[in-house]
Amino acid sequence: MANDFYGLNLKEIAIGIQGAFSGVFILRRKKLWDVLGTIFVGAVTANYVGPALARYLNLTDYHDLIVYFCGLGGWTVCLGVLKWFDLYSRPYERSKE
C-alpha cells in the first residue's frame, strides 16, 4: 500500500488511535503516561493484529471495524499475550511430594 512505512499503515493507526481514545474514557485513565501508553499500545495492536484478525475471522468486509476493536482492546490483548508467554516460558515444575 502507499500508506505503508516500515509495516505501519497510517489508516489503521488512525483507526486504532480512535479506538484507544475510547478505551481511555471507558477505563477512566487519568495519568498522562497511562493515557499515552494506552493510545500507543492500541494503535500498534490495531496496526499489526487488526488486519490479521480480520483475515483469520474471514471478516475482510468489516476490516475497519475489527481494527477499531483491536485499538479499543489493545491493552488487554497485549496483557493476555504477555501472560501466555509467562505461562509457557516457565520450566516444568513438579509438585512437591
PDB file of N, CA and C in Angstrom:
ATOM      1  N   MET A   1       0.829  -1.191   0.000  1.00  0.00           N
ATOM      2  CA  MET A   1       0.000   0.000   0.000  1.00  0.00           C
ATOM      3  C   MET A   1       0.868   1.247   0.000  1.00  0.00           C
ATOM      4  N   ALA A   2       0.274   2.333  -0.446  1.00  0.00           N
ATOM      5  CA  ALA A   2       1.010   3.588  -0.487  1.00  0.00           C
ATOM      6  C   ALA A   2       1.210   4.164   0.911  1.00  0.00           C
ATOM      7  N   ASN A   3       0.368   3.789   1.853  1.00  0.00           N
ATOM      8  CA  ASN A   3       0.468   4.330   3.200  1.00  0.00           C
ATOM      9  C   ASN A   3       1.416   3.542   4.098  1.00  0.00           C
ATOM     10  N   ASP A   4       1.999   2.459   3.572  1.00  0.00           N
ATOM     11  CA  ASP A   4       2.874   1.641   4.400  1.00  0.00           C
ATOM     12  C   ASP A   4       4.230   2.314   4.580  1.00  0.00           C
ATOM     13  N   PHE A   5       4.699   2.326   5.797  1.00  0.00           N
ATOM     14  CA  PHE A   5       6.016   2.852   6.136  1.00  0.00           C
ATOM     15  C   PHE A   5       6.591   1.935   7.193  1.00  0.00           C
ATOM     16  N   TYR A   6       7.466   1.039   6.799  1.00  0.00           N
ATOM     17  CA  TYR A   6       8.052   0.046   7.689  1.00  0.00           C
ATOM     18  C   TYR A   6       6.979  -0.789   8.387  1.00  0.00           C
ATOM     19  N   GLY A   7       5.971  -1.193   7.631  1.00  0.00           N
ATOM     20  CA  GLY A   7       4.925  -2.038   8.190  1.00  0.00           C
ATOM     21  C   GLY A   7       3.836  -1.289   8.931  1.00  0.00           C
ATOM     22  N   LEU A   8       3.916   0.026   8.963  1.00  0.00           N
ATOM     23  CA  LEU A   8       2.908   0.828   9.647  1.00  0.00           C
ATOM     24  C   LEU A   8       1.944   1.402   8.613  1.00  0.00           C
ATOM     25  N   ASN A   9       0.684   1.073   8.737  1.00  0.00           N
ATOM     26  CA  ASN A   9      -0.344   1.594   7.857  1.00  0.00           C
ATOM     27  C   ASN A   9      -1.010   2.768   8.563  1.00  0.00           C
ATOM     28  N   LEU A  10      -0.898   3.948   7.982  1.00  0.00           N
ATOM     29  CA  LEU A  10      -1.376   5.154   8.642  1.00  0.00           C
ATOM     30  C   LEU A  10      -2.879   5.142   8.883  1.00  0.00           C
ATOM     31  N   LYS A  11      -3.647   4.563   7.958  1.00  0.00           N
ATOM     32  CA  LYS A  11      -5.094   4.485   8.139  1.00  0.00           C
ATOM     33  C   LYS A  11      -5.439   3.609   9.338  1.00  0.00           C
ATOM     34  N   GLU A  12      -4.787   2.460   9.441  1.00  0.00           N
ATOM     35  CA  GLU A  12      -5.063   1.556  10.557  1.00  0.00           C
ATOM     36  C   GLU A  12      -4.599   2.147  11.882  1.00  0.00           C
ATOM     37  N   ILE A  13      -3.505   2.879  11.875  1.00  0.00           N
ATOM     38  CA  ILE A  13      -3.038   3.533  13.097  1.00  0.00           C
ATOM     39  C   ILE A  13      -4.041   4.598  13.539  1.00  0.00           C
ATOM     40  N   ALA A  14      -4.569   5.366  12.578  1.00  0.00           N
ATOM     41  CA  ALA A  14      -5.555   6.393  12.924  1.00  0.00           C
ATOM     42  C   ALA A  14      -6.828   5.763  13.500  1.00  0.00           C
ATOM     43  N   ILE A  15      -7.270   4.674  12.916  1.00  0.00           N
ATOM     44  CA  ILE A  15      -8.453   3.982  13.443  1.00  0.00           C
ATOM     45  C   ILE A  15      -8.145   3.401  14.819  1.00  0.00           C
ATOM     46  N   GLY A  16      -6.949   2.852  14.993  1.00  0.00           N
ATOM     47  CA  GLY A  16      -6.551   2.303  16.287  1.00  0.00           C
ATOM     48  C   GLY A  16      -6.465   3.364  17.364  1.00  0.00           C
ATOM     49  N   ILE A  17      -5.998   4.548  17.002  1.00  0.00           N
ATOM     50  CA  ILE A  17      -5.941   5.650  17.967  1.00  0.00           C
ATOM     51  C   ILE A  17      -7.348   6.048  18.396  1.00  0.00           C
ATOM     52  N   GLN A  18      -8.292   6.067  17.448  1.00  0.00           N
ATOM     53  CA  GLN A  18      -9.677   6.376  17.804  1.00  0.00           C
ATOM     54  C   GLN A  18     -10.237   5.344  18.774  1.00  0.00           C
ATOM     55  N   GLY A  19      -9.962   4.070  18.509  1.00  0.00           N
ATOM     56  CA  GLY A  19     -10.400   3.031  19.427  1.00  0.00           C
ATOM     57  C   GLY A  19      -9.734   3.143  20.782  1.00  0.00           C
ATOM     58  N   ALA A  20      -8.451   3.481  20.784  1.00  0.00           N
ATOM     59  CA  ALA A  20      -7.724   3.620  22.047  1.00  0.00           C
ATOM     60  C   ALA A  20      -8.240   4.805  22.858  1.00  0.00           C
ATOM     61  N   PHE A  21      -8.598   5.906  22.181  1.00  0.00           N
ATOM     62  CA  PHE A  21      -9.207   7.037  22.886  1.00  0.00           C
ATOM     63  C   PHE A  21     -10.495   6.610  23.580  1.00  0.00           C
ATOM     64  N   SER A  22     -11.279   5.800  22.892  1.00  0.00           N
ATOM     65  CA  SER A  22     -12.498   5.283  23.520  1.00  0.00           C
ATOM     66  C   SER A  22     -12.150   4.444  24.738  1.00  0.00           C
ATOM     67  N   GLY A  23     -11.097   3.637  24.616  1.00  0.00           N
ATOM     68  CA  GLY A  23     -10.659   2.826  25.744  1.00  0.00           C
ATOM     69  C   GLY A  23     -10.186   3.656  26.920  1.00  0.00           C
ATOM     70  N   VAL A  24      -9.553   4.781  26.634  1.00  0.00           N
ATOM     71  CA  VAL A  24      -9.102   5.680  27.705  1.00  0.00           C
ATOM     72  C   VAL A  24     -10.299   6.181  28.512  1.00  0.00           C
ATOM     73  N   PHE A  25     -11.373   6.553  27.821  1.00  0.00           N
ATOM     74  CA  PHE A  25     -12.555   7.053  28.520  1.00  0.00           C
ATOM     75  C   PHE A  25     -13.308   5.942  29.243  1.00  0.00           C
ATOM     76  N   ILE A  26     -13.344   4.756  28.649  1.00  0.00           N
ATOM     77  CA  ILE A  26     -14.030   3.624  29.297  1.00  0.00           C
ATOM     78  C   ILE A  26     -13.287   3.201  30.557  1.00  0.00           C
ATOM     79  N   LEU A  27     -11.955   3.123  30.468  1.00  0.00           N
ATOM     80  CA  LEU A  27     -11.139   2.698  31.609  1.00  0.00           C
ATOM     81  C   LEU A  27     -10.887   3.822  32.603  1.00  0.00           C
ATOM     82  N   ARG A  28     -11.281   5.034  32.245  1.00  0.00           N
ATOM     83  CA  ARG A  28     -11.127   6.224  33.093  1.00  0.00           C
ATOM     84  C   ARG A  28      -9.674   6.451  33.511  1.00  0.00           C
ATOM     85  N   ARG A  29      -8.810   6.368  32.527  1.00  0.00           N
ATOM     86  CA  ARG A  29      -7.394   6.628  32.784  1.00  0.00           C
ATOM     87  C   ARG A  29      -7.206   8.129  32.995  1.00  0.00           C
ATOM     88  N   LYS A  30      -6.429   8.485  34.016  1.00  0.00           N
ATOM     89  CA  LYS A  30      -6.241   9.896  34.329  1.00  0.00           C
ATOM     90  C   LYS A  30      -4.790  10.343  34.260  1.00  0.00           C
ATOM     91  N   LYS A  31      -3.865   9.444  34.524  1.00  0.00           N
ATOM     92  CA  LYS A  31      -2.454   9.822  34.499  1.00  0.00           C
ATOM     93  C   LYS A  31      -1.970   9.906  33.054  1.00  0.00           C
ATOM     94  N   LEU A  32      -1.112  10.869  32.806  1.00  0.00           N
ATOM     95  CA  LEU A  32      -0.642  11.136  31.451  1.00  0.00           C
ATOM     96  C   LEU A  32       0.003   9.909  30.815  1.00  0.00           C
ATOM     97  N   TRP A  33       0.885   9.225  31.553  1.00  0.00           N
ATOM     98  CA  TRP A  33       1.588   8.084  30.977  1.00  0.00           C
ATOM     99  C   TRP A  33       0.657   6.902  30.756  1.00  0.00           C
ATOM    100  N   ASP A  34      -0.377   6.762  31.559  1.00  0.00           N
ATOM    101  CA  ASP A  34      -1.375   5.715  31.321  1.00  0.00           C
ATOM    102  C   ASP A  34      -2.147   5.990  30.032  1.00  0.00           C
ATOM    103  N   VAL A  35      -2.508   7.256  29.836  1.00  0.00           N
ATOM    104  CA  VAL A  35      -3.241   7.637  28.622  1.00  0.00           C
ATOM    105  C   VAL A  35      -2.375   7.431  27.389  1.00  0.00           C
ATOM    106  N   LEU A  36      -1.145   7.929  27.430  1.00  0.00           N
ATOM    107  CA  LEU A  36      -0.245   7.785  26.283  1.00  0.00           C
ATOM    108  C   LEU A  36       0.087   6.325  26.000  1.00  0.00           C
ATOM    109  N   GLY A  37       0.307   5.552  27.050  1.00  0.00           N
ATOM    110  CA  GLY A  37       0.589   4.124  26.870  1.00  0.00           C
ATOM    111  C   GLY A  37      -0.581   3.383  26.265  1.00  0.00           C
ATOM    112  N   THR A  38      -1.789   3.687  26.729  1.00  0.00           N
ATOM    113  CA  THR A  38      -2.979   3.040  26.188  1.00  0.00           C
ATOM    114  C   THR A  38      -3.157   3.382  24.715  1.00  0.00           C
ATOM    115  N   ILE A  39      -2.941   4.644  24.359  1.00  0.00           N
ATOM    116  CA  ILE A  39      -3.097   5.062  22.969  1.00  0.00           C
ATOM    117  C   ILE A  39      -2.023   4.428  22.089  1.00  0.00           C
ATOM    118  N   PHE A  40      -0.787   4.400  22.555  1.00  0.00           N
ATOM    119  CA  PHE A  40       0.301   3.817  21.766  1.00  0.00           C
ATOM    120  C   PHE A  40       0.079   2.321  21.552  1.00  0.00           C
ATOM    121  N   VAL A  41      -0.227   1.610  22.620  1.00  0.00           N
ATOM    122  CA  VAL A  41      -0.426   0.163  22.514  1.00  0.00           C
ATOM    123  C   VAL A  41      -1.652  -0.141  21.657  1.00  0.00           C
ATOM    124  N   GLY A  42      -2.698   0.649  21.797  1.00  0.00           N
ATOM    125  CA  GLY A  42      -3.888   0.441  20.973  1.00  0.00           C
ATOM    126  C   GLY A  42      -3.606   0.653  19.501  1.00  0.00           C
ATOM    127  N   ALA A  43      -2.839   1.683  19.173  1.00  0.00           N
ATOM    128  CA  ALA A  43      -2.517   1.963  17.773  1.00  0.00           C
ATOM    129  C   ALA A  43      -1.650   0.871  17.170  1.00  0.00           C
ATOM    130  N   VAL A  44      -0.643   0.438  17.903  1.00  0.00           N
ATOM    131  CA  VAL A  44       0.253  -0.609  17.386  1.00  0.00           C
ATOM    132  C   VAL A  44      -0.480  -1.945  17.269  1.00  0.00           C
ATOM    133  N   THR A  45      -1.313  -2.265  18.258  1.00  0.00           N
ATOM    134  CA  THR A  45      -2.086  -3.505  18.196  1.00  0.00           C
ATOM    135  C   THR A  45      -3.051  -3.476  17.027  1.00  0.00           C
ATOM    136  N   ALA A  46      -3.705  -2.353  16.818  1.00  0.00           N
ATOM    137  CA  ALA A  46      -4.633  -2.228  15.695  1.00  0.00           C
ATOM    138  C   ALA A  46      -3.900  -2.378  14.366  1.00  0.00           C
ATOM    139  N   ASN A  47      -2.688  -1.853  14.295  1.00  0.00           N
ATOM    140  CA  ASN A  47      -1.932  -1.916  13.050  1.00  0.00           C
ATOM    141  C   ASN A  47      -1.495  -3.337  12.708  1.00  0.00           C
ATOM    142  N   TYR A  48      -1.030  -4.083  13.687  1.00  0.00           N
ATOM    143  CA  TYR A  48      -0.481  -5.398  13.399  1.00  0.00           C
ATOM    144  C   TYR A  48      -1.469  -6.539  13.617  1.00  0.00           C
ATOM    145  N   VAL A  49      -2.315  -6.458  14.628  1.00  0.00           N
ATOM    146  CA  VAL A  49      -3.232  -7.563  14.933  1.00  0.00           C
ATOM    147  C   VAL A  49      -4.535  -7.434  14.152  1.00  0.00           C
ATOM    148  N   GLY A  50      -5.009  -6.203  13.943  1.00  0.00           N
ATOM    149  CA  GLY A  50      -6.297  -5.983  13.298  1.00  0.00           C
ATOM    150  C   GLY A  50      -6.452  -6.635  11.931  1.00  0.00           C
ATOM    151  N   PRO A  51      -5.550  -6.370  10.986  1.00  0.00           N
ATOM    152  CA  PRO A  51      -5.689  -6.988   9.668  1.00  0.00           C
ATOM    153  C   PRO A  51      -5.583  -8.512   9.705  1.00  0.00           C
ATOM    154  N   ALA A  52      -4.691  -9.026  10.521  1.00  0.00           N
ATOM    155  CA  ALA A  52      -4.548 -10.486  10.628  1.00  0.00           C
ATOM    156  C   ALA A  52      -5.804 -11.113  11.218  1.00  0.00           C
ATOM    157  N   LEU A  53      -6.378 -10.456  12.221  1.00  0.00           N
ATOM    158  CA  LEU A  53      -7.599 -10.974  12.837  1.00  0.00           C
ATOM    159  C   LEU A  53      -8.769 -10.917  11.860  1.00  0.00           C
ATOM    160  N   ALA A  54      -8.859  -9.853  11.076  1.00  0.00           N
ATOM    161  CA  ALA A  54      -9.935  -9.749  10.081  1.00  0.00           C
ATOM    162  C   ALA A  54      -9.824 -10.855   9.037  1.00  0.00           C
ATOM    163  N   ARG A  55      -8.592 -11.157   8.602  1.00  0.00           N
ATOM    164  CA  ARG A  55      -8.408 -12.256   7.643  1.00  0.00           C
ATOM    165  C   ARG A  55      -8.700 -13.602   8.288  1.00  0.00           C
ATOM    166  N   TYR A  56      -8.252 -13.789   9.527  1.00  0.00           N
ATOM    167  CA  TYR A  56      -8.456 -15.065  10.225  1.00  0.00           C
ATOM    168  C   TYR A  56      -9.944 -15.342  10.439  1.00  0.00           C
ATOM    169  N   LEU A  57     -10.693 -14.316  10.810  1.00  0.00           N
ATOM    170  CA  LEU A  57     -12.135 -14.482  11.041  1.00  0.00           C
ATOM    171  C   LEU A  57     -12.951 -14.407   9.758  1.00  0.00           C
ATOM    172  N   ASN A  58     -12.267 -14.190   8.636  1.00  0.00           N
ATOM    173  CA  ASN A  58     -12.911 -14.069   7.335  1.00  0.00           C
ATOM    174  C   ASN A  58     -13.934 -12.933   7.344  1.00  0.00           C
ATOM    175  N   LEU A  59     -13.568 -11.822   7.962  1.00  0.00           N
ATOM    176  CA  LEU A  59     -14.421 -10.638   8.034  1.00  0.00           C
ATOM    177  C   LEU A  59     -13.733  -9.451   7.364  1.00  0.00           C
ATOM    178  N   THR A  60     -13.198  -9.667   6.174  1.00  0.00           N
ATOM    179  CA  THR A  60     -12.472  -8.596   5.499  1.00  0.00           C
ATOM    180  C   THR A  60     -13.390  -7.451   5.095  1.00  0.00           C
ATOM    181  N   ASP A  61     -14.692  -7.703   4.969  1.00  0.00           N
ATOM    182  CA  ASP A  61     -15.625  -6.610   4.679  1.00  0.00           C
ATOM    183  C   ASP A  61     -15.732  -5.649   5.858  1.00  0.00           C
ATOM    184  N   TYR A  62     -15.450  -6.133   7.047  1.00  0.00           N
ATOM    185  CA  TYR A  62     -15.525  -5.328   8.270  1.00  0.00           C
ATOM    186  C   TYR A  62     -14.138  -5.017   8.817  1.00  0.00           C
ATOM    187  N   HIS A  63     -13.190  -4.876   7.922  1.00  0.00           N
ATOM    188  CA  HIS A  63     -11.785  -4.675   8.295  1.00  0.00           C
ATOM    189  C   HIS A  63     -11.607  -3.492   9.244  1.00  0.00           C
ATOM    190  N   ASP A  64     -12.196  -2.348   8.910  1.00  0.00           N
ATOM    191  CA  ASP A  64     -12.015  -1.153   9.743  1.00  0.00           C
ATOM    192  C   ASP A  64     -12.629  -1.321  11.123  1.00  0.00           C
ATOM    193  N   LEU A  65     -13.748  -2.024  11.200  1.00  0.00           N
ATOM    194  CA  LEU A  65     -14.387  -2.273  12.498  1.00  0.00           C
ATOM    195  C   LEU A  65     -13.516  -3.175  13.372  1.00  0.00           C
ATOM    196  N   ILE A  66     -12.941  -4.200  12.769  1.00  0.00           N
ATOM    197  CA  ILE A  66     -12.052  -5.102  13.506  1.00  0.00           C
ATOM    198  C   ILE A  66     -10.816  -4.338  13.990  1.00  0.00           C
ATOM    199  N   VAL A  67     -10.275  -3.480  13.134  1.00  0.00           N
ATOM    200  CA  VAL A  67      -9.111  -2.674  13.519  1.00  0.00           C
ATOM    201  C   VAL A  67      -9.470  -1.740  14.674  1.00  0.00           C
ATOM    202  N   TYR A  68     -10.665  -1.138  14.623  1.00  0.00           N
ATOM    203  CA  TYR A  68     -11.117  -0.265  15.704  1.00  0.00           C
ATOM    204  C   TYR A  68     -11.198  -1.035  17.027  1.00  0.00           C
ATOM    205  N   PHE A  69     -11.784  -2.227  16.989  1.00  0.00           N
ATOM    206  CA  PHE A  69     -11.903  -3.022  18.215  1.00  0.00           C
ATOM    207  C   PHE A  69     -10.546  -3.469  18.725  1.00  0.00           C
ATOM    208  N   CYS A  70      -9.600  -3.716  17.835  1.00  0.00           N
ATOM    209  CA  CYS A  70      -8.241  -4.038  18.285  1.00  0.00           C
ATOM    210  C   CYS A  70      -7.593  -2.834  18.954  1.00  0.00           C
ATOM    211  N   GLY A  71      -7.872  -1.635  18.465  1.00  0.00           N
ATOM    212  CA  GLY A  71      -7.377  -0.434  19.123  1.00  0.00           C
ATOM    213  C   GLY A  71      -8.029  -0.232  20.467  1.00  0.00           C
ATOM    214  N   LEU A  72      -9.326  -0.524  20.533  1.00  0.00           N
ATOM    215  CA  LEU A  72     -10.072  -0.386  21.787  1.00  0.00           C
ATOM    216  C   LEU A  72      -9.562  -1.360  22.848  1.00  0.00           C
ATOM    217  N   GLY A  73      -9.317  -2.593  22.466  1.00  0.00           N
ATOM    218  CA  GLY A  73      -8.887  -3.605  23.422  1.00  0.00           C
ATOM    219  C   GLY A  73      -7.424  -3.960  23.318  1.00  0.00           C
ATOM    220  N   GLY A  74      -6.631  -3.077  22.718  1.00  0.00           N
ATOM    221  CA  GLY A  74      -5.216  -3.377  22.501  1.00  0.00           C
ATOM    222  C   GLY A  74      -4.447  -3.655  23.773  1.00  0.00           C
ATOM    223  N   TRP A  75      -4.739  -2.893  24.814  1.00  0.00           N
ATOM    224  CA  TRP A  75      -4.067  -3.067  26.099  1.00  0.00           C
ATOM    225  C   TRP A  75      -4.351  -4.456  26.649  1.00  0.00           C
ATOM    226  N   THR A  76      -5.598  -4.871  26.585  1.00  0.00           N
ATOM    227  CA  THR A  76      -5.999  -6.185  27.093  1.00  0.00           C
ATOM    228  C   THR A  76      -5.399  -7.305  26.259  1.00  0.00           C
ATOM    229  N   VAL A  77      -5.349  -7.128  24.952  1.00  0.00           N
ATOM    230  CA  VAL A  77      -4.755  -8.139  24.073  1.00  0.00           C
ATOM    231  C   VAL A  77      -3.281  -8.332  24.413  1.00  0.00           C
ATOM    232  N   CYS A  78      -2.561  -7.243  24.596  1.00  0.00           N
ATOM    233  CA  CYS A  78      -1.125  -7.339  24.915  1.00  0.00           C
ATOM    234  C   CYS A  78      -0.889  -7.965  26.278  1.00  0.00           C
ATOM    235  N   LEU A  79      -1.719  -7.627  27.252  1.00  0.00           N
ATOM    236  CA  LEU A  79      -1.577  -8.259  28.569  1.00  0.00           C
ATOM    237  C   LEU A  79      -1.846  -9.756  28.494  1.00  0.00           C
ATOM    238  N   GLY A  80      -2.831 -10.160  27.702  1.00  0.00           N
ATOM    239  CA  GLY A  80      -3.121 -11.582  27.528  1.00  0.00           C
ATOM    240  C   GLY A  80      -1.966 -12.329  26.879  1.00  0.00           C
ATOM    241  N   VAL A  81      -1.356 -11.725  25.880  1.00  0.00           N
ATOM    242  CA  VAL A  81      -0.209 -12.342  25.218  1.00  0.00           C
ATOM    243  C   VAL A  81       0.966 -12.463  26.182  1.00  0.00           C
ATOM    244  N   LEU A  82       1.219 -11.421  26.978  1.00  0.00           N
ATOM    245  CA  LEU A  82       2.307 -11.478  27.948  1.00  0.00           C
ATOM    246  C   LEU A  82       2.072 -12.562  28.999  1.00  0.00           C
ATOM    247  N   LYS A  83       0.830 -12.708  29.461  1.00  0.00           N
ATOM    248  CA  LYS A  83       0.528 -13.774  30.425  1.00  0.00           C
ATOM    249  C   LYS A  83       0.712 -15.145  29.788  1.00  0.00           C
ATOM    250  N   TRP A  84       0.348 -15.278  28.514  1.00  0.00           N
ATOM    251  CA  TRP A  84       0.516 -16.549  27.821  1.00  0.00           C
ATOM    252  C   TRP A  84       1.993 -16.895  27.707  1.00  0.00           C
ATOM    253  N   PHE A  85       2.825 -15.912  27.330  1.00  0.00           N
ATOM    254  CA  PHE A  85       4.264 -16.156  27.251  1.00  0.00           C
ATOM    255  C   PHE A  85       4.837 -16.519  28.617  1.00  0.00           C
ATOM    256  N   ASP A  86       4.383 -15.850  29.660  1.00  0.00           N
ATOM    257  CA  ASP A  86       4.873 -16.131  31.003  1.00  0.00           C
ATOM    258  C   ASP A  86       4.490 -17.544  31.422  1.00  0.00           C
ATOM    259  N   LEU A  87       3.287 -17.943  31.094  1.00  0.00           N
ATOM    260  CA  LEU A  87       2.806 -19.267  31.474  1.00  0.00           C
ATOM    261  C   LEU A  87       3.601 -20.374  30.781  1.00  0.00           C
ATOM    262  N   TYR A  88       3.884 -20.200  29.486  1.00  0.00           N
ATOM    263  CA  TYR A  88       4.538 -21.258  28.732  1.00  0.00           C
ATOM    264  C   TYR A  88       6.055 -21.133  28.689  1.00  0.00           C
ATOM    265  N   SER A  89       6.607 -20.078  29.262  1.00  0.00           N
ATOM    266  CA  SER A  89       8.062 -19.956  29.269  1.00  0.00           C
ATOM    267  C   SER A  89       8.694 -20.528  30.528  1.00  0.00           C
ATOM    268  N   ARG A  90       7.877 -20.864  31.511  1.00  0.00           N
ATOM    269  CA  ARG A  90       8.414 -21.449  32.740  1.00  0.00           C
ATOM    270  C   ARG A  90       8.760 -22.920  32.522  1.00  0.00           C
ATOM    271  N   PRO A  91       9.830 -23.365  33.114  1.00  0.00           N
ATOM    272  CA  PRO A  91      10.144 -24.801  33.008  1.00  0.00           C
ATOM    273  C   PRO A  91       9.114 -25.616  33.799  1.00  0.00           C
ATOM    274  N   TYR A  92       9.010 -26.845  33.421  1.00  0.00           N
ATOM    275  CA  TYR A  92       8.050 -27.717  34.081  1.00  0.00           C
ATOM    276  C   TYR A  92       8.397 -27.840  35.557  1.00  0.00           C
ATOM    277  N   GLU A  93       7.424 -27.575  36.389  1.00  0.00           N
ATOM    278  CA  GLU A  93       7.630 -27.668  37.832  1.00  0.00           C
ATOM    279  C   GLU A  93       6.850 -28.866  38.374  1.00  0.00           C
ATOM    280  N   ARG A  94       7.552 -29.738  39.047  1.00  0.00           N
ATOM    281  CA  ARG A  94       6.884 -30.893  39.629  1.00  0.00           C
ATOM    282  C   ARG A  94       6.268 -30.522  40.963  1.00  0.00           C
ATOM    283  N   SER A  95       5.200 -31.152  41.250  1.00  0.00           N
ATOM    284  CA  SER A  95       4.576 -30.894  42.550  1.00  0.00           C
ATOM    285  C   SER A  95       5.425 -31.532  43.643  1.00  0.00           C
ATOM    286  N   LYS A  96       5.479 -30.862  44.780  1.00  0.00           N
ATOM    287  CA  LYS A  96       6.283 -31.364  45.883  1.00  0.00           C
ATOM    288  C   LYS A  96       5.560 -32.515  46.540  1.00  0.00           C
ATOM    289  N   GLU A  97       6.309 -33.549  46.773  1.00  0.00           N
ATOM    290  CA  GLU A  97       5.703 -34.726  47.384  1.00  0.00           C
ATOM    291  C   GLU A  97       6.025 -34.810  48.851  1.00  0.00           C
TER     292      GLU A  97
END
